[in-house]
Amino acid sequence: MKQIIGGKTPQPPALQAAVAPAAPAARFIEVDAESEGQRLDNFLMRQLKGVPKTHVYRIIRSGEVRINKGRVSADTRVHSGDQVRLPPVRVSEKMAEKAAHPAPAREFPALLEDEHLMAIDKPAGVAVHGGSGVSFGVIEQLRQARPQAKFLELVHRLDRETSGILLVAKKRSALTHLQDQFRERETGKTYLALVSGSWPANKKVIDTPLHKYLQPDGERRVRVTTADDPDGMRSITLVKVRATAPAQTAQGLPAMSLLEVTIKTGRTHQIRVHLASSGYPIAGDDKYGDFELNKRLQKAGLKRMFLHAWRLQFTHPASGARTELHAELPPELAAFAPSL
């Protein structure tokens, strides 16, 4: 006789198994050599594509993520051979849709490439990475173009509006070596910038602290500050006049100076703020520039900010050779200033 509980006939065990979905199981990932020394949170971002950062940090704090069966924190470093436990995670429909339609694959002009790194000539108008309202950037497009690449990471940043040399590491050892050089100011980074006015030849060093802040609308901005500002960051910019152009009264344009600008510190918007605060805003700069002048410059043919990462010097992470790269002015800038 079948036992009836609550008016329903119990299902046979085999049928119960067929009807009830199996609970999603945790999975284990072995850390490869390329991820050696990486922070756990950054490692998980690559493994859990489409999962919000807030959720990644939540599962770390809750203890659901473990390394070799032990509890860990977000800043724990992973090592080759480690077994990382990942709990089952749910992805929102929006994030799933984004993962299903990733960044379009795109290659960029290469100035140098080997098994350790690549240096590309980034065009203006392209962010280096997604975020802050931008769906994708250079690094996401490169990863889509090179699905076989196990490791591609940005070594440093360039503003979206800035063109020129951008380094991408193809090995973790190269990434850490190059980032150490940037942090210790052992690299040489020189930009070409066109500014309004005749830059005084004797003004060669700007050593003024910078302060980052948010506007009421949440937009990030930077301003010069004083040495006693506890939130000020020392910022050093070297300036050399490369060429000058006289005023073009017919077009309503002032005299202009093409500068070679070398930064000893890599602060957000450093060149733009230092030059503008000195009274010489960069042509076409829509954040810190002369807005009325920018309108006249657009009519004269300058459709973007005239700031270009022209030269980069660094020590190659594998060979130890001192390397110097150049990215000449892109056509839209060279066409605007043919005499400079």
C-alpha atoms as a PDB file:
ATOM      1  CA  MET A   1       0.000   0.000   0.000  1.00  0.00           C
ATOM      2  CA  LYS A   2       1.230   3.480  -0.879  1.00  0.00           C
ATOM      3  CA  GLN A   3       1.492   5.940   1.971  1.00  0.00           C
ATOM      4  CA  ILE A   4      -0.319   9.208   1.379  1.00  0.00           C
ATOM      5  CA  ILE A   5       0.841  12.369   3.205  1.00  0.00           C
ATOM      6  CA  GLY A   6      -1.103  15.585   2.910  1.00  0.00           C
ATOM      7  CA  GLY A   7      -3.292  14.154   0.189  1.00  0.00           C
ATOM      8  CA  LYS A   8      -0.435  13.588  -2.260  1.00  0.00           C
ATOM      9  CA  THR A   9       1.309  10.446  -3.314  1.00  0.00           C
ATOM     10  CA  PRO A  10       5.095  10.720  -2.775  1.00  0.00           C
ATOM     11  CA  GLN A  11       7.143  10.495  -5.926  1.00  0.00           C
ATOM     12  CA  PRO A  12       9.590   7.625  -6.379  1.00  0.00           C
ATOM     13  CA  PRO A  13      13.208   8.634  -5.665  1.00  0.00           C
ATOM     14  CA  ALA A  14      14.184   8.300  -9.325  1.00  0.00           C
ATOM     15  CA  LEU A  15      11.346  10.624 -10.358  1.00  0.00           C
ATOM     16  CA  GLN A  16      12.229  13.106  -7.611  1.00  0.00           C
ATOM     17  CA  ALA A  17      15.764  13.302  -8.943  1.00  0.00           C
ATOM     18  CA  ALA A  18      14.455  13.903 -12.431  1.00  0.00           C
ATOM     19  CA  VAL A  19      12.121  16.677 -11.327  1.00  0.00           C
ATOM     20  CA  ALA A  20      14.253  18.517  -8.765  1.00  0.00           C
ATOM     21  CA  PRO A  21      17.086  20.517 -10.327  1.00  0.00           C
ATOM     22  CA  ALA A  22      20.516  19.777  -8.958  1.00  0.00           C
ATOM     23  CA  ALA A  23      21.979  22.496  -6.789  1.00  0.00           C
ATOM     24  CA  PRO A  24      24.765  24.341  -8.603  1.00  0.00           C
ATOM     25  CA  ALA A  25      28.131  23.173  -7.366  1.00  0.00           C
ATOM     26  CA  ALA A  26      31.244  25.093  -6.513  1.00  0.00           C
ATOM     27  CA  ARG A  27      34.135  24.766  -8.924  1.00  0.00           C
ATOM     28  CA  PHE A  28      37.871  24.740  -8.456  1.00  0.00           C
ATOM     29  CA  ILE A  29      40.421  26.568 -10.585  1.00  0.00           C
ATOM     30  CA  GLU A  30      44.153  25.996 -10.519  1.00  0.00           C
ATOM     31  CA  VAL A  31      46.191  29.196 -10.698  1.00  0.00           C
ATOM     32  CA  ASP A  32      48.513  29.196 -13.697  1.00  0.00           C
ATOM     33  CA  ALA A  33      52.043  30.604 -13.883  1.00  0.00           C
ATOM     34  CA  GLU A  34      50.874  33.793 -15.612  1.00  0.00           C
ATOM     35  CA  SER A  35      48.714  34.699 -12.614  1.00  0.00           C
ATOM     36  CA  GLU A  36      51.555  34.267 -10.101  1.00  0.00           C
ATOM     37  CA  GLY A  37      51.487  37.055  -7.521  1.00  0.00           C
ATOM     38  CA  GLN A  38      48.187  38.593  -8.658  1.00  0.00           C
ATOM     39  CA  ARG A  39      45.742  39.925  -6.075  1.00  0.00           C
ATOM     40  CA  LEU A  40      42.813  37.608  -5.505  1.00  0.00           C
ATOM     41  CA  ASP A  41      40.181  40.238  -6.364  1.00  0.00           C
ATOM     42  CA  ASN A  42      41.844  40.979  -9.705  1.00  0.00           C
ATOM     43  CA  PHE A  43      42.226  37.256 -10.414  1.00  0.00           C
ATOM     44  CA  LEU A  44      38.500  36.715  -9.780  1.00  0.00           C
ATOM     45  CA  MET A  45      37.486  39.620 -12.028  1.00  0.00           C
ATOM     46  CA  ARG A  46      39.065  37.744 -14.924  1.00  0.00           C
ATOM     47  CA  GLN A  47      37.497  34.418 -13.938  1.00  0.00           C
ATOM     48  CA  LEU A  48      33.991  35.712 -13.205  1.00  0.00           C
ATOM     49  CA  LYS A  49      33.288  37.848 -16.260  1.00  0.00           C
ATOM     50  CA  GLY A  50      29.902  39.519 -16.031  1.00  0.00           C
ATOM     51  CA  VAL A  51      29.742  39.311 -12.234  1.00  0.00           C
ATOM     52  CA  PRO A  52      29.543  42.756 -10.563  1.00  0.00           C
ATOM     53  CA  LYS A  53      32.579  43.784  -8.529  1.00  0.00           C
ATOM     54  CA  THR A  54      30.437  44.258  -5.440  1.00  0.00           C
ATOM     55  CA  HIS A  55      29.386  40.603  -5.604  1.00  0.00           C
ATOM     56  CA  VAL A  56      32.977  39.446  -6.099  1.00  0.00           C
ATOM     57  CA  TYR A  57      34.005  41.236  -2.898  1.00  0.00           C
ATOM     58  CA  ARG A  58      30.937  39.885  -1.094  1.00  0.00           C
ATOM     59  CA  ILE A  59      31.759  36.230  -1.783  1.00  0.00           C
ATOM     60  CA  ILE A  60      35.355  36.833  -0.687  1.00  0.00           C
ATOM     61  CA  ARG A  61      34.247  38.435   2.614  1.00  0.00           C
ATOM     62  CA  SER A  62      31.700  35.663   3.256  1.00  0.00           C
ATOM     63  CA  GLY A  63      34.389  32.988   3.029  1.00  0.00           C
ATOM     64  CA  GLU A  64      32.832  31.293   0.007  1.00  0.00           C
ATOM     65  CA  VAL A  65      36.039  31.829  -1.942  1.00  0.00           C
ATOM     66  CA  ARG A  66      38.930  29.785  -0.603  1.00  0.00           C
ATOM     67  CA  ILE A  67      42.507  29.085  -1.586  1.00  0.00           C
ATOM     68  CA  ASN A  68      43.793  25.604  -0.764  1.00  0.00           C
ATOM     69  CA  LYS A  69      40.765  25.236   1.551  1.00  0.00           C
ATOM     70  CA  GLY A  70      41.720  28.288   3.612  1.00  0.00           C
ATOM     71  CA  ARG A  71      39.861  31.589   4.048  1.00  0.00           C
ATOM     72  CA  VAL A  72      41.338  34.577   2.241  1.00  0.00           C
ATOM     73  CA  SER A  73      40.959  38.320   1.773  1.00  0.00           C
ATOM     74  CA  ALA A  74      40.712  40.448  -1.377  1.00  0.00           C
ATOM     75  CA  ASP A  75      44.392  41.436  -1.233  1.00  0.00           C
ATOM     76  CA  THR A  76      45.661  37.859  -0.830  1.00  0.00           C
ATOM     77  CA  ARG A  77      48.209  37.036  -3.531  1.00  0.00           C
ATOM     78  CA  VAL A  78      47.606  33.902  -5.578  1.00  0.00           C
ATOM     79  CA  HIS A  79      50.460  31.603  -6.543  1.00  0.00           C
ATOM     80  CA  SER A  80      50.989  29.120  -9.334  1.00  0.00           C
ATOM     81  CA  GLY A  81      49.402  25.787  -8.444  1.00  0.00           C
ATOM     82  CA  ASP A  82      46.964  27.208  -5.870  1.00  0.00           C
ATOM     83  CA  GLN A  83      43.486  25.661  -5.881  1.00  0.00           C
ATOM     84  CA  VAL A  84      40.869  28.432  -5.786  1.00  0.00           C
ATOM     85  CA  ARG A  85      37.321  27.487  -4.806  1.00  0.00           C
ATOM     86  CA  LEU A  86      34.649  29.531  -6.577  1.00  0.00           C
ATOM     87  CA  PRO A  87      31.053  29.304  -5.368  1.00  0.00           C
ATOM     88  CA  PRO A  88      28.195  29.237  -7.887  1.00  0.00           C
ATOM     89  CA  VAL A  89      27.293  32.794  -8.845  1.00  0.00           C
ATOM     90  CA  ARG A  90      24.310  34.288 -10.591  1.00  0.00           C
ATOM     91  CA  VAL A  91      24.655  36.863 -13.328  1.00  0.00           C
ATOM     92  CA  SER A  92      21.968  39.478 -13.931  1.00  0.00           C
ATOM     93  CA  GLU A  93      20.177  39.529 -17.273  1.00  0.00           C
ATOM     94  CA  LYS A  94      21.887  42.815 -18.106  1.00  0.00           C
ATOM     95  CA  MET A  95      25.344  41.436 -17.336  1.00  0.00           C
ATOM     96  CA  ALA A  96      24.570  38.192 -19.147  1.00  0.00           C
ATOM     97  CA  GLU A  97      23.554  40.178 -22.205  1.00  0.00           C
ATOM     98  CA  LYS A  98      26.767  42.168 -21.981  1.00  0.00           C
ATOM     99  CA  ALA A  99      28.831  38.974 -21.695  1.00  0.00           C
ATOM    100  CA  ALA A 100      26.996  37.513 -24.689  1.00  0.00           C
ATOM    101  CA  HIS A 101      27.796  40.609 -26.760  1.00  0.00           C
ATOM    102  CA  PRO A 102      31.334  41.567 -25.714  1.00  0.00           C
ATOM    103  CA  ALA A 103      33.488  44.371 -27.015  1.00  0.00           C
ATOM    104  CA  PRO A 104      34.116  44.264 -30.760  1.00  0.00           C
ATOM    105  CA  ALA A 105      37.471  42.724 -31.608  1.00  0.00           C
ATOM    106  CA  ARG A 106      40.011  45.312 -32.688  1.00  0.00           C
ATOM    107  CA  GLU A 107      43.746  45.484 -33.247  1.00  0.00           C
ATOM    108  CA  PHE A 108      45.676  48.738 -32.946  1.00  0.00           C
ATOM    109  CA  PRO A 109      48.820  49.900 -34.755  1.00  0.00           C
ATOM    110  CA  ALA A 110      51.788  48.256 -33.026  1.00  0.00           C
ATOM    111  CA  LEU A 111      55.005  50.199 -32.451  1.00  0.00           C
ATOM    112  CA  LEU A 112      56.702  47.232 -30.782  1.00  0.00           C
ATOM    113  CA  GLU A 113      55.608  43.699 -29.958  1.00  0.00           C
ATOM    114  CA  ASP A 114      57.304  40.597 -28.614  1.00  0.00           C
ATOM    115  CA  GLU A 115      56.359  37.751 -26.282  1.00  0.00           C
ATOM    116  CA  HIS A 116      56.549  40.029 -23.230  1.00  0.00           C
ATOM    117  CA  LEU A 117      54.770  43.233 -24.205  1.00  0.00           C
ATOM    118  CA  MET A 118      53.242  45.301 -26.949  1.00  0.00           C
ATOM    119  CA  ALA A 119      53.266  49.057 -27.478  1.00  0.00           C
ATOM    120  CA  ILE A 120      50.360  50.407 -29.483  1.00  0.00           C
ATOM    121  CA  ASP A 121      49.570  53.790 -30.987  1.00  0.00           C
ATOM    122  CA  LYS A 122      46.199  54.533 -29.394  1.00  0.00           C
ATOM    123  CA  PRO A 123      43.859  56.772 -31.370  1.00  0.00           C
ATOM    124  CA  ALA A 124      42.049  59.649 -29.678  1.00  0.00           C
ATOM    125  CA  GLY A 125      38.466  59.043 -28.645  1.00  0.00           C
ATOM    126  CA  VAL A 126      39.063  55.474 -27.443  1.00  0.00           C
ATOM    127  CA  ALA A 127      39.116  54.743 -23.708  1.00  0.00           C
ATOM    128  CA  VAL A 128      41.858  52.430 -22.485  1.00  0.00           C
ATOM    129  CA  HIS A 129      39.322  50.315 -20.549  1.00  0.00           C
ATOM    130  CA  GLY A 130      35.614  50.092 -19.871  1.00  0.00           C
ATOM    131  CA  GLY A 131      33.957  51.801 -16.910  1.00  0.00           C
ATOM    132  CA  SER A 132      32.469  55.187 -15.930  1.00  0.00           C
ATOM    133  CA  GLY A 133      29.835  55.016 -18.622  1.00  0.00           C
ATOM    134  CA  VAL A 134      32.123  53.427 -21.221  1.00  0.00           C
ATOM    135  CA  SER A 135      31.183  49.866 -22.213  1.00  0.00           C
ATOM    136  CA  PHE A 136      34.634  48.853 -23.399  1.00  0.00           C
ATOM    137  CA  GLY A 137      38.056  50.169 -24.228  1.00  0.00           C
ATOM    138  CA  VAL A 138      41.362  49.208 -25.804  1.00  0.00           C
ATOM    139  CA  ILE A 139      42.103  46.301 -23.481  1.00  0.00           C
ATOM    140  CA  GLU A 140      38.677  44.651 -23.908  1.00  0.00           C
ATOM    141  CA  GLN A 141      38.906  45.006 -27.694  1.00  0.00           C
ATOM    142  CA  LEU A 142      42.400  43.520 -27.755  1.00  0.00           C
ATOM    143  CA  ARG A 143      41.297  40.545 -25.660  1.00  0.00           C
ATOM    144  CA  GLN A 144      38.457  39.873 -28.084  1.00  0.00           C
ATOM    145  CA  ALA A 145      40.825  40.147 -31.046  1.00  0.00           C
ATOM    146  CA  ARG A 146      43.253  37.712 -29.380  1.00  0.00           C
ATOM    147  CA  PRO A 147      41.181  35.011 -27.669  1.00  0.00           C
ATOM    148  CA  GLN A 148      44.248  32.748 -27.541  1.00  0.00           C
ATOM    149  CA  ALA A 149      46.176  35.263 -25.419  1.00  0.00           C
ATOM    150  CA  LYS A 150      46.352  34.063 -21.808  1.00  0.00           C
ATOM    151  CA  PHE A 151      47.384  37.433 -20.423  1.00  0.00           C
ATOM    152  CA  LEU A 152      46.836  41.008 -21.615  1.00  0.00           C
ATOM    153  CA  GLU A 153      46.932  43.858 -19.097  1.00  0.00           C
ATOM    154  CA  LEU A 154      47.376  47.624 -19.290  1.00  0.00           C
ATOM    155  CA  VAL A 155      50.680  48.833 -17.892  1.00  0.00           C
ATOM    156  CA  HIS A 156      49.531  52.456 -17.576  1.00  0.00           C
ATOM    157  CA  ARG A 157      46.703  54.764 -18.694  1.00  0.00           C
ATOM    158  CA  LEU A 158      46.013  57.495 -21.213  1.00  0.00           C
ATOM    159  CA  ASP A 159      43.030  59.835 -21.181  1.00  0.00           C
ATOM    160  CA  ARG A 160      40.344  58.936 -23.672  1.00  0.00           C
ATOM    161  CA  GLU A 161      40.976  62.156 -25.614  1.00  0.00           C
ATOM    162  CA  THR A 162      44.748  61.612 -25.731  1.00  0.00           C
ATOM    163  CA  SER A 163      46.417  59.690 -28.550  1.00  0.00           C
ATOM    164  CA  GLY A 164      49.798  57.980 -28.619  1.00  0.00           C
ATOM    165  CA  ILE A 165      51.927  55.299 -27.008  1.00  0.00           C
ATOM    166  CA  LEU A 166      50.223  52.816 -24.696  1.00  0.00           C
ATOM    167  CA  LEU A 167      51.975  49.761 -23.198  1.00  0.00           C
ATOM    168  CA  VAL A 168      50.222  46.420 -22.755  1.00  0.00           C
ATOM    169  CA  ALA A 169      51.900  43.548 -20.902  1.00  0.00           C
ATOM    170  CA  LYS A 170      51.596  40.004 -22.253  1.00  0.00           C
ATOM    171  CA  LYS A 171      53.087  38.368 -19.148  1.00  0.00           C
ATOM    172  CA  ARG A 172      52.582  39.085 -15.464  1.00  0.00           C
ATOM    173  CA  SER A 173      56.339  39.327 -14.925  1.00  0.00           C
ATOM    174  CA  ALA A 174      56.494  42.061 -17.582  1.00  0.00           C
ATOM    175  CA  LEU A 175      53.538  43.877 -16.026  1.00  0.00           C
ATOM    176  CA  THR A 176      55.046  44.061 -12.554  1.00  0.00           C
ATOM    177  CA  HIS A 177      58.494  45.010 -13.903  1.00  0.00           C
ATOM    178  CA  LEU A 178      57.120  47.836 -16.036  1.00  0.00           C
ATOM    179  CA  GLN A 179      54.725  49.120 -13.371  1.00  0.00           C
ATOM    180  CA  ASP A 180      57.631  49.249 -10.920  1.00  0.00           C
ATOM    181  CA  GLN A 181      59.479  51.450 -13.418  1.00  0.00           C
ATOM    182  CA  PHE A 182      56.524  53.821 -13.722  1.00  0.00           C
ATOM    183  CA  ARG A 183      56.109  53.961  -9.960  1.00  0.00           C
ATOM    184  CA  GLU A 184      59.807  54.620  -9.362  1.00  0.00           C
ATOM    185  CA  ARG A 185      59.860  57.283 -12.136  1.00  0.00           C
ATOM    186  CA  GLU A 186      62.387  55.325 -14.170  1.00  0.00           C
ATOM    187  CA  THR A 187      60.470  55.836 -17.408  1.00  0.00           C
ATOM    188  CA  GLY A 188      60.569  58.852 -19.690  1.00  0.00           C
ATOM    189  CA  LYS A 189      57.135  60.039 -20.866  1.00  0.00           C
ATOM    190  CA  THR A 190      57.016  62.978 -23.269  1.00  0.00           C
ATOM    191  CA  TYR A 191      53.912  64.403 -24.894  1.00  0.00           C
ATOM    192  CA  LEU A 192      53.327  66.938 -27.664  1.00  0.00           C
ATOM    193  CA  ALA A 193      50.815  69.614 -26.706  1.00  0.00           C
ATOM    194  CA  LEU A 194      49.618  72.664 -28.620  1.00  0.00           C
ATOM    195  CA  VAL A 195      48.732  75.539 -26.314  1.00  0.00           C
ATOM    196  CA  SER A 196      47.256  78.982 -26.689  1.00  0.00           C
ATOM    197  CA  GLY A 197      49.836  81.760 -26.357  1.00  0.00           C
ATOM    198  CA  SER A 198      53.603  82.083 -26.622  1.00  0.00           C
ATOM    199  CA  TRP A 199      55.100  79.918 -23.906  1.00  0.00           C
ATOM    200  CA  PRO A 200      58.019  81.677 -22.189  1.00  0.00           C
ATOM    201  CA  ALA A 201      61.259  79.856 -22.992  1.00  0.00           C
ATOM    202  CA  ASN A 202      62.515  80.270 -19.428  1.00  0.00           C
ATOM    203  CA  LYS A 203      59.492  78.536 -17.887  1.00  0.00           C
ATOM    204  CA  LYS A 204      60.811  74.972 -17.925  1.00  0.00           C
ATOM    205  CA  VAL A 205      59.523  73.368 -14.724  1.00  0.00           C
ATOM    206  CA  ILE A 206      56.068  73.259 -13.149  1.00  0.00           C
ATOM    207  CA  ASP A 207      56.221  71.850  -9.632  1.00  0.00           C
ATOM    208  CA  THR A 208      52.716  72.389  -8.280  1.00  0.00           C
ATOM    209  CA  PRO A 209      50.618  69.915  -6.240  1.00  0.00           C
ATOM    210  CA  LEU A 210      47.358  68.647  -7.699  1.00  0.00           C
ATOM    211  CA  HIS A 211      44.120  67.870  -5.906  1.00  0.00           C
ATOM    212  CA  LYS A 212      41.458  65.482  -7.250  1.00  0.00           C
ATOM    213  CA  TYR A 213      37.797  66.180  -6.527  1.00  0.00           C
ATOM    214  CA  LEU A 214      34.301  65.368  -7.761  1.00  0.00           C
ATOM    215  CA  GLN A 215      31.898  67.907  -9.177  1.00  0.00           C
ATOM    216  CA  PRO A 216      28.250  67.873  -8.008  1.00  0.00           C
ATOM    217  CA  ASP A 217      27.340  65.787 -11.060  1.00  0.00           C
ATOM    218  CA  GLY A 218      29.956  63.188 -10.091  1.00  0.00           C
ATOM    219  CA  GLU A 219      32.467  64.090 -12.800  1.00  0.00           C
ATOM    220  CA  ARG A 220      36.098  63.717 -11.784  1.00  0.00           C
ATOM    221  CA  ARG A 221      38.194  66.894 -11.946  1.00  0.00           C
ATOM    222  CA  VAL A 222      41.636  68.065 -10.848  1.00  0.00           C
ATOM    223  CA  ARG A 223      42.906  71.461  -9.707  1.00  0.00           C
ATOM    224  CA  VAL A 224      46.192  72.920  -8.577  1.00  0.00           C
ATOM    225  CA  THR A 225      46.578  73.326  -4.837  1.00  0.00           C
ATOM    226  CA  THR A 226      49.127  74.383  -2.221  1.00  0.00           C
ATOM    227  CA  ALA A 227      51.932  72.466  -0.563  1.00  0.00           C
ATOM    228  CA  ASP A 228      50.065  72.421   2.756  1.00  0.00           C
ATOM    229  CA  ASP A 229      46.991  70.705   1.283  1.00  0.00           C
ATOM    230  CA  PRO A 230      46.882  67.252   2.956  1.00  0.00           C
ATOM    231  CA  ASP A 231      45.174  65.824  -0.141  1.00  0.00           C
ATOM    232  CA  GLY A 232      47.548  67.483  -2.591  1.00  0.00           C
ATOM    233  CA  MET A 233      49.898  65.266  -4.593  1.00  0.00           C
ATOM    234  CA  ARG A 234      53.260  66.580  -5.694  1.00  0.00           C
ATOM    235  CA  SER A 235      53.308  66.834  -9.483  1.00  0.00           C
ATOM    236  CA  ILE A 236      56.275  67.744 -11.673  1.00  0.00           C
ATOM    237  CA  THR A 237      56.061  68.688 -15.354  1.00  0.00           C
ATOM    238  CA  LEU A 238      58.963  69.704 -17.594  1.00  0.00           C
ATOM    239  CA  VAL A 239      58.245  71.926 -20.603  1.00  0.00           C
ATOM    240  CA  LYS A 240      60.288  72.633 -23.733  1.00  0.00           C
ATOM    241  CA  VAL A 241      59.173  74.814 -26.654  1.00  0.00           C
ATOM    242  CA  ARG A 242      59.331  72.843 -29.882  1.00  0.00           C
ATOM    243  CA  ALA A 243      57.860  75.421 -32.261  1.00  0.00           C
ATOM    244  CA  THR A 244      55.684  78.534 -32.316  1.00  0.00           C
ATOM    245  CA  ALA A 245      53.076  79.898 -34.688  1.00  0.00           C
ATOM    246  CA  PRO A 246      52.026  83.569 -35.017  1.00  0.00           C
ATOM    247  CA  ALA A 247      48.482  84.758 -34.477  1.00  0.00           C
ATOM    248  CA  GLN A 248      46.048  84.199 -37.333  1.00  0.00           C
ATOM    249  CA  THR A 249      43.825  87.226 -36.997  1.00  0.00           C
ATOM    250  CA  ALA A 250      41.673  86.314 -39.995  1.00  0.00           C
ATOM    251  CA  GLN A 251      40.537  83.160 -38.175  1.00  0.00           C
ATOM    252  CA  GLY A 252      40.504  84.741 -34.746  1.00  0.00           C
ATOM    253  CA  LEU A 253      43.321  82.515 -33.499  1.00  0.00           C
ATOM    254  CA  PRO A 254      46.051  83.693 -31.106  1.00  0.00           C
ATOM    255  CA  ALA A 255      49.730  82.848 -31.286  1.00  0.00           C
ATOM    256  CA  MET A 256      50.268  79.213 -30.362  1.00  0.00           C
ATOM    257  CA  SER A 257      53.118  77.061 -29.043  1.00  0.00           C
ATOM    258  CA  LEU A 258      53.860  73.410 -29.693  1.00  0.00           C
ATOM    259  CA  LEU A 259      55.427  72.000 -26.532  1.00  0.00           C
ATOM    260  CA  GLU A 260      57.356  68.893 -25.599  1.00  0.00           C
ATOM    261  CA  VAL A 261      55.996  68.058 -22.154  1.00  0.00           C
ATOM    262  CA  THR A 262      57.718  65.470 -19.978  1.00  0.00           C
ATOM    263  CA  ILE A 263      55.984  64.305 -16.822  1.00  0.00           C
ATOM    264  CA  LYS A 264      57.993  63.109 -13.850  1.00  0.00           C
ATOM    265  CA  THR A 265      54.829  62.117 -11.983  1.00  0.00           C
ATOM    266  CA  GLY A 266      51.801  60.475 -13.562  1.00  0.00           C
ATOM    267  CA  ARG A 267      48.866  62.284 -11.965  1.00  0.00           C
ATOM    268  CA  THR A 268      45.359  62.345 -13.392  1.00  0.00           C
ATOM    269  CA  HIS A 269      45.037  65.165 -15.983  1.00  0.00           C
ATOM    270  CA  GLN A 270      48.459  66.441 -14.878  1.00  0.00           C
ATOM    271  CA  ILE A 271      49.546  68.044 -18.156  1.00  0.00           C
ATOM    272  CA  ARG A 272      46.142  69.542 -18.873  1.00  0.00           C
ATOM    273  CA  VAL A 273      45.802  71.165 -15.455  1.00  0.00           C
ATOM    274  CA  HIS A 274      49.424  72.297 -15.142  1.00  0.00           C
ATOM    275  CA  LEU A 275      49.403  74.027 -18.534  1.00  0.00           C
ATOM    276  CA  ALA A 276      45.949  75.565 -18.104  1.00  0.00           C
ATOM    277  CA  SER A 277      46.742  76.854 -14.611  1.00  0.00           C
ATOM    278  CA  SER A 278      49.888  78.478 -16.038  1.00  0.00           C
ATOM    279  CA  GLY A 279      47.713  80.448 -18.445  1.00  0.00           C
ATOM    280  CA  TYR A 280      48.327  78.267 -21.514  1.00  0.00           C
ATOM    281  CA  PRO A 281      45.403  75.851 -21.970  1.00  0.00           C
ATOM    282  CA  ILE A 282      45.745  72.972 -24.415  1.00  0.00           C
ATOM    283  CA  ALA A 283      44.000  73.591 -27.715  1.00  0.00           C
ATOM    284  CA  GLY A 284      40.725  71.691 -27.893  1.00  0.00           C
ATOM    285  CA  ASP A 285      40.638  70.676 -24.215  1.00  0.00           C
ATOM    286  CA  ASP A 286      36.947  70.515 -23.301  1.00  0.00           C
ATOM    287  CA  LYS A 287      37.541  70.239 -19.550  1.00  0.00           C
ATOM    288  CA  TYR A 288      40.243  72.765 -18.697  1.00  0.00           C
ATOM    289  CA  GLY A 289      40.585  74.730 -21.936  1.00  0.00           C
ATOM    290  CA  ASP A 290      39.387  78.037 -23.353  1.00  0.00           C
ATOM    291  CA  PHE A 291      35.891  77.133 -24.539  1.00  0.00           C
ATOM    292  CA  GLU A 292      35.405  80.145 -26.817  1.00  0.00           C
ATOM    293  CA  LEU A 293      38.785  79.554 -28.439  1.00  0.00           C
ATOM    294  CA  ASN A 294      37.924  75.866 -28.870  1.00  0.00           C
ATOM    295  CA  LYS A 295      34.912  76.865 -30.995  1.00  0.00           C
ATOM    296  CA  ARG A 296      37.147  78.877 -33.307  1.00  0.00           C
ATOM    297  CA  LEU A 297      39.679  76.060 -33.422  1.00  0.00           C
ATOM    298  CA  GLN A 298      36.968  73.631 -34.500  1.00  0.00           C
ATOM    299  CA  LYS A 299      36.022  75.921 -37.392  1.00  0.00           C
ATOM    300  CA  ALA A 300      39.727  76.069 -38.310  1.00  0.00           C
ATOM    301  CA  GLY A 301      39.897  72.255 -38.451  1.00  0.00           C
ATOM    302  CA  LEU A 302      40.925  71.053 -34.964  1.00  0.00           C
ATOM    303  CA  LYS A 303      38.248  68.589 -33.904  1.00  0.00           C
ATOM    304  CA  ARG A 304      39.957  67.133 -30.815  1.00  0.00           C
ATOM    305  CA  MET A 305      42.323  67.978 -27.977  1.00  0.00           C
ATOM    306  CA  PHE A 306      45.889  68.509 -29.177  1.00  0.00           C
ATOM    307  CA  LEU A 307      47.667  66.205 -26.722  1.00  0.00           C
ATOM    308  CA  HIS A 308      49.682  63.227 -27.958  1.00  0.00           C
ATOM    309  CA  ALA A 309      51.880  60.703 -26.113  1.00  0.00           C
ATOM    310  CA  TRP A 310      54.842  61.084 -28.444  1.00  0.00           C
ATOM    311  CA  ARG A 311      57.843  59.405 -26.818  1.00  0.00           C
ATOM    312  CA  LEU A 312      58.288  56.692 -24.191  1.00  0.00           C
ATOM    313  CA  GLN A 313      61.538  55.445 -22.700  1.00  0.00           C
ATOM    314  CA  PHE A 314      61.741  52.362 -20.490  1.00  0.00           C
ATOM    315  CA  THR A 315      63.903  49.362 -19.686  1.00  0.00           C
ATOM    316  CA  HIS A 316      62.734  46.197 -21.415  1.00  0.00           C
ATOM    317  CA  PRO A 317      61.526  43.781 -18.704  1.00  0.00           C
ATOM    318  CA  ALA A 318      63.235  40.747 -20.248  1.00  0.00           C
ATOM    319  CA  SER A 319      66.370  41.952 -22.066  1.00  0.00           C
ATOM    320  CA  GLY A 320      67.181  44.852 -19.766  1.00  0.00           C
ATOM    321  CA  ALA A 321      67.842  47.044 -22.815  1.00  0.00           C
ATOM    322  CA  ARG A 322      66.901  50.692 -22.616  1.00  0.00           C
ATOM    323  CA  THR A 323      64.108  51.146 -25.147  1.00  0.00           C
ATOM    324  CA  GLU A 324      62.818  54.333 -26.754  1.00  0.00           C
ATOM    325  CA  LEU A 325      59.620  54.479 -28.795  1.00  0.00           C
ATOM    326  CA  HIS A 326      58.093  57.286 -30.863  1.00  0.00           C
ATOM    327  CA  ALA A 327      54.553  57.746 -32.161  1.00  0.00           C
ATOM    328  CA  GLU A 328      54.421  60.579 -34.654  1.00  0.00           C
ATOM    329  CA  LEU A 329      51.527  63.016 -34.686  1.00  0.00           C
ATOM    330  CA  PRO A 330      48.361  61.458 -36.111  1.00  0.00           C
ATOM    331  CA  PRO A 331      47.122  62.926 -39.407  1.00  0.00           C
ATOM    332  CA  GLU A 332      44.381  65.064 -37.852  1.00  0.00           C
ATOM    333  CA  LEU A 333      46.914  66.877 -35.642  1.00  0.00           C
ATOM    334  CA  ALA A 334      49.689  67.061 -38.230  1.00  0.00           C
ATOM    335  CA  ALA A 335      47.235  68.542 -40.750  1.00  0.00           C
ATOM    336  CA  PHE A 336      46.177  71.241 -38.323  1.00  0.00           C
ATOM    337  CA  ALA A 337      49.729  72.364 -37.576  1.00  0.00           C
ATOM    338  CA  PRO A 338      51.733  71.653 -40.755  1.00  0.00           C
ATOM    339  CA  SER A 339      54.214  74.436 -40.044  1.00  0.00           C
ATOM    340  CA  LEU A 340      55.014  73.295 -36.496  1.00  0.00           C
END
